[in-house]
Amino acid sequence: MEVVQMKQIENQSLFNWKTLEEQHKNTFKREYVACHEPHEFKWITENVQAVFPQFRKSLVERAIEEVCHEMKHTPRKRHEFFERLQVALETQKLTTKEALKKVSK
C-alpha cells in the first residue's frame, strides 16, 4: 500500500473518531463519558461498530470495559476516553491477530 493511501486511511480514521465524539456530545449533552451506565455502554458499542465494522462486538465491549476501568478514578473526559478506546481497540486487534497466528502454526 502506498504511503499516500496509508495517510488517507489514517486521516479517515481520525475523522471517524472525531465524529463519534461529536455524536456523543450531541446525544448526552455533557463533556464526560459515563461508560458504566448500561444505556451509554450500549450506545458507545453500537456506534463504534457502526463507524468501524471491522471490530467485532465482543472486542469493542472488552475495550470499552478496559478503558472505563482504567479511568474509574478520574472524570472520564470525552476526548481522552475516545483516544484511549481507539488505542485499546488497535491493541486488542493486534493481540487477536498474534493469537490467531500462534493457533494456525
C-alpha atoms as a PDB file:
ATOM      1  CA  MET A   1       0.000   0.000   0.000  1.00  0.00           C
ATOM      2  CA  GLU A   2       1.325   3.413  -0.894  1.00  0.00           C
ATOM      3  CA  VAL A   3       2.203   5.996   1.727  1.00  0.00           C
ATOM      4  CA  VAL A   4      -0.496   8.325   0.358  1.00  0.00           C
ATOM      5  CA  GLN A   5      -3.165   5.634   0.764  1.00  0.00           C
ATOM      6  CA  MET A   6      -1.988   4.893   4.307  1.00  0.00           C
ATOM      7  CA  LYS A   7      -2.232   8.613   5.172  1.00  0.00           C
ATOM      8  CA  GLN A   8      -5.764   8.787   3.716  1.00  0.00           C
ATOM      9  CA  ILE A   9      -6.866   5.795   5.789  1.00  0.00           C
ATOM     10  CA  GLU A  10      -5.275   7.311   8.910  1.00  0.00           C
ATOM     11  CA  ASN A  11      -6.979  10.674   8.285  1.00  0.00           C
ATOM     12  CA  GLN A  12     -10.336   8.955   7.695  1.00  0.00           C
ATOM     13  CA  SER A  13      -9.963   7.063  10.963  1.00  0.00           C
ATOM     14  CA  LEU A  14      -9.224  10.289  12.874  1.00  0.00           C
ATOM     15  CA  PHE A  15     -12.245  11.922  11.250  1.00  0.00           C
ATOM     16  CA  ASN A  16     -14.442   8.988  12.301  1.00  0.00           C
ATOM     17  CA  TRP A  17     -13.270   9.218  15.920  1.00  0.00           C
ATOM     18  CA  LYS A  18     -13.972  12.967  15.926  1.00  0.00           C
ATOM     19  CA  THR A  19     -17.432  12.252  14.508  1.00  0.00           C
ATOM     20  CA  LEU A  20     -18.087   9.750  17.311  1.00  0.00           C
ATOM     21  CA  GLU A  21     -17.016  12.330  19.889  1.00  0.00           C
ATOM     22  CA  GLU A  22     -19.382  14.902  18.378  1.00  0.00           C
ATOM     23  CA  GLN A  23     -22.257  12.420  18.261  1.00  0.00           C
ATOM     24  CA  HIS A  24     -21.672  11.596  21.920  1.00  0.00           C
ATOM     25  CA  LYS A  25     -21.633  15.287  22.836  1.00  0.00           C
ATOM     26  CA  ASN A  26     -24.879  15.922  20.942  1.00  0.00           C
ATOM     27  CA  THR A  27     -26.590  12.847  22.370  1.00  0.00           C
ATOM     28  CA  PHE A  28     -25.628  13.126  26.035  1.00  0.00           C
ATOM     29  CA  LYS A  29     -25.117  16.931  26.326  1.00  0.00           C
ATOM     30  CA  ARG A  30     -22.075  16.699  28.602  1.00  0.00           C
ATOM     31  CA  GLU A  31     -18.283  16.671  28.437  1.00  0.00           C
ATOM     32  CA  TYR A  32     -17.705  13.349  30.171  1.00  0.00           C
ATOM     33  CA  VAL A  33     -18.445   9.704  29.390  1.00  0.00           C
ATOM     34  CA  ALA A  34     -20.490   7.581  31.805  1.00  0.00           C
ATOM     35  CA  CYS A  35     -19.422   4.245  30.328  1.00  0.00           C
ATOM     36  CA  HIS A  36     -20.529   2.405  33.467  1.00  0.00           C
ATOM     37  CA  GLU A  37     -24.163   3.254  32.656  1.00  0.00           C
ATOM     38  CA  PRO A  38     -25.763   0.405  30.640  1.00  0.00           C
ATOM     39  CA  HIS A  39     -27.532   2.671  28.128  1.00  0.00           C
ATOM     40  CA  GLU A  40     -24.356   4.634  27.440  1.00  0.00           C
ATOM     41  CA  PHE A  41     -22.209   1.491  27.242  1.00  0.00           C
ATOM     42  CA  LYS A  42     -24.671   0.149  24.649  1.00  0.00           C
ATOM     43  CA  TRP A  43     -24.651   3.469  22.740  1.00  0.00           C
ATOM     44  CA  ILE A  44     -20.843   3.502  22.567  1.00  0.00           C
ATOM     45  CA  THR A  45     -20.705  -0.151  21.483  1.00  0.00           C
ATOM     46  CA  GLU A  46     -23.288   0.274  18.725  1.00  0.00           C
ATOM     47  CA  ASN A  47     -21.811   3.496  17.389  1.00  0.00           C
ATOM     48  CA  VAL A  48     -18.210   2.280  17.386  1.00  0.00           C
ATOM     49  CA  GLN A  49     -19.360  -0.807  15.478  1.00  0.00           C
ATOM     50  CA  ALA A  50     -21.335   1.323  13.017  1.00  0.00           C
ATOM     51  CA  VAL A  51     -18.308   3.508  12.270  1.00  0.00           C
ATOM     52  CA  PHE A  52     -15.705   0.723  12.475  1.00  0.00           C
ATOM     53  CA  PRO A  53     -17.415  -2.513  11.331  1.00  0.00           C
ATOM     54  CA  GLN A  54     -14.056  -4.322  11.260  1.00  0.00           C
ATOM     55  CA  PHE A  55     -14.198  -4.612  15.070  1.00  0.00           C
ATOM     56  CA  ARG A  56     -16.289  -7.466  16.478  1.00  0.00           C
ATOM     57  CA  LYS A  57     -18.836  -6.593  19.154  1.00  0.00           C
ATOM     58  CA  SER A  58     -17.014  -8.602  21.827  1.00  0.00           C
ATOM     59  CA  LEU A  59     -13.757  -6.800  21.017  1.00  0.00           C
ATOM     60  CA  VAL A  60     -15.448  -3.394  21.281  1.00  0.00           C
ATOM     61  CA  GLU A  61     -17.144  -4.304  24.564  1.00  0.00           C
ATOM     62  CA  ARG A  62     -13.886  -5.576  26.042  1.00  0.00           C
ATOM     63  CA  ALA A  63     -12.056  -2.391  25.010  1.00  0.00           C
ATOM     64  CA  ILE A  64     -14.783  -0.163  26.490  1.00  0.00           C
ATOM     65  CA  GLU A  65     -14.692  -2.094  29.772  1.00  0.00           C
ATOM     66  CA  GLU A  66     -10.898  -1.852  29.877  1.00  0.00           C
ATOM     67  CA  VAL A  67     -10.839   1.912  29.247  1.00  0.00           C
ATOM     68  CA  CYS A  68     -13.740   2.534  31.604  1.00  0.00           C
ATOM     69  CA  HIS A  69     -11.938   0.626  34.359  1.00  0.00           C
ATOM     70  CA  GLU A  70      -8.630   2.458  33.704  1.00  0.00           C
ATOM     71  CA  MET A  71     -10.388   5.808  34.069  1.00  0.00           C
ATOM     72  CA  LYS A  72     -12.584   4.953  37.051  1.00  0.00           C
ATOM     73  CA  HIS A  73     -10.859   7.347  39.480  1.00  0.00           C
ATOM     74  CA  THR A  74     -10.966  10.388  37.226  1.00  0.00           C
ATOM     75  CA  PRO A  75     -13.744  12.203  35.406  1.00  0.00           C
ATOM     76  CA  ARG A  76     -13.881  10.461  32.041  1.00  0.00           C
ATOM     77  CA  LYS A  77     -13.400  13.379  29.661  1.00  0.00           C
ATOM     78  CA  ARG A  78     -14.900  12.504  26.296  1.00  0.00           C
ATOM     79  CA  HIS A  79     -11.820  13.264  24.194  1.00  0.00           C
ATOM     80  CA  GLU A  80      -9.473  11.285  26.442  1.00  0.00           C
ATOM     81  CA  PHE A  81     -11.930   8.384  26.657  1.00  0.00           C
ATOM     82  CA  PHE A  82     -12.240   8.046  22.867  1.00  0.00           C
ATOM     83  CA  GLU A  83      -8.463   8.383  22.415  1.00  0.00           C
ATOM     84  CA  ARG A  84      -7.886   5.574  24.908  1.00  0.00           C
ATOM     85  CA  LEU A  85     -10.647   3.492  23.326  1.00  0.00           C
ATOM     86  CA  GLN A  86      -9.017   3.831  19.916  1.00  0.00           C
ATOM     87  CA  VAL A  87      -5.665   2.650  21.327  1.00  0.00           C
ATOM     88  CA  ALA A  88      -7.329  -0.220  23.218  1.00  0.00           C
ATOM     89  CA  LEU A  89      -9.134  -1.422  20.090  1.00  0.00           C
ATOM     90  CA  GLU A  90      -5.967  -1.334  17.986  1.00  0.00           C
ATOM     91  CA  THR A  91      -4.011  -3.132  20.720  1.00  0.00           C
ATOM     92  CA  GLN A  92      -6.655  -5.847  21.083  1.00  0.00           C
ATOM     93  CA  LYS A  93      -6.862  -6.221  17.314  1.00  0.00           C
ATOM     94  CA  LEU A  94      -3.101  -6.837  17.145  1.00  0.00           C
ATOM     95  CA  THR A  95      -3.221  -9.220  20.115  1.00  0.00           C
ATOM     96  CA  THR A  96      -6.015 -11.194  18.425  1.00  0.00           C
ATOM     97  CA  LYS A  97      -4.020 -11.412  15.179  1.00  0.00           C
ATOM     98  CA  GLU A  98      -0.959 -12.669  17.067  1.00  0.00           C
ATOM     99  CA  ALA A  99      -3.053 -15.296  18.865  1.00  0.00           C
ATOM    100  CA  LEU A 100      -4.527 -16.472  15.564  1.00  0.00           C
ATOM    101  CA  LYS A 101      -1.041 -16.797  14.071  1.00  0.00           C
ATOM    102  CA  LYS A 102       0.056 -18.969  17.016  1.00  0.00           C
ATOM    103  CA  VAL A 103      -3.005 -21.205  16.632  1.00  0.00           C
ATOM    104  CA  SER A 104      -2.507 -21.635  12.884  1.00  0.00           C
ATOM    105  CA  LYS A 105       1.143 -22.736  13.256  1.00  0.00           C
END
